[in-house]
């Protein structure tokens, strides 16, 4: 903290600091005092959460499985768009980071049960 306060005591055109926090009230008052602007980002709404679910499913499960030996197939009776919407509804109040952690859990489960993996279990 002391090094930060020392480096940020004066204005500079050569230095810019961006902080992001879900709990900005936890910052020391001296840090908040040095922030010129504070921008509030709300938690993602339903539409954003649905896009995040789709993005992280693609990123953590579909993209790593492009080789034939690791390819994932959704069961024919699963409507991908409907399932993503259902998951998004169940993630009310979660941040993008928290949704990504859920998807990492899907990836871990998929890796652990590679030969006996049923994609429908991800959605339960």
Foldseek 3Di string as FASTA:
>chain_A
DVVVCVVQVDDDPVDDDDDDDPCVVPDDVSVVVSDPDDDDDDADDLVVQLVLLVVLCCVLQQVVQPDPLQHDDAPPPDDVSVLSSVVSVVQPPDHSVVSNVLSVVVNVVCVVCVPPDHVVVSSD
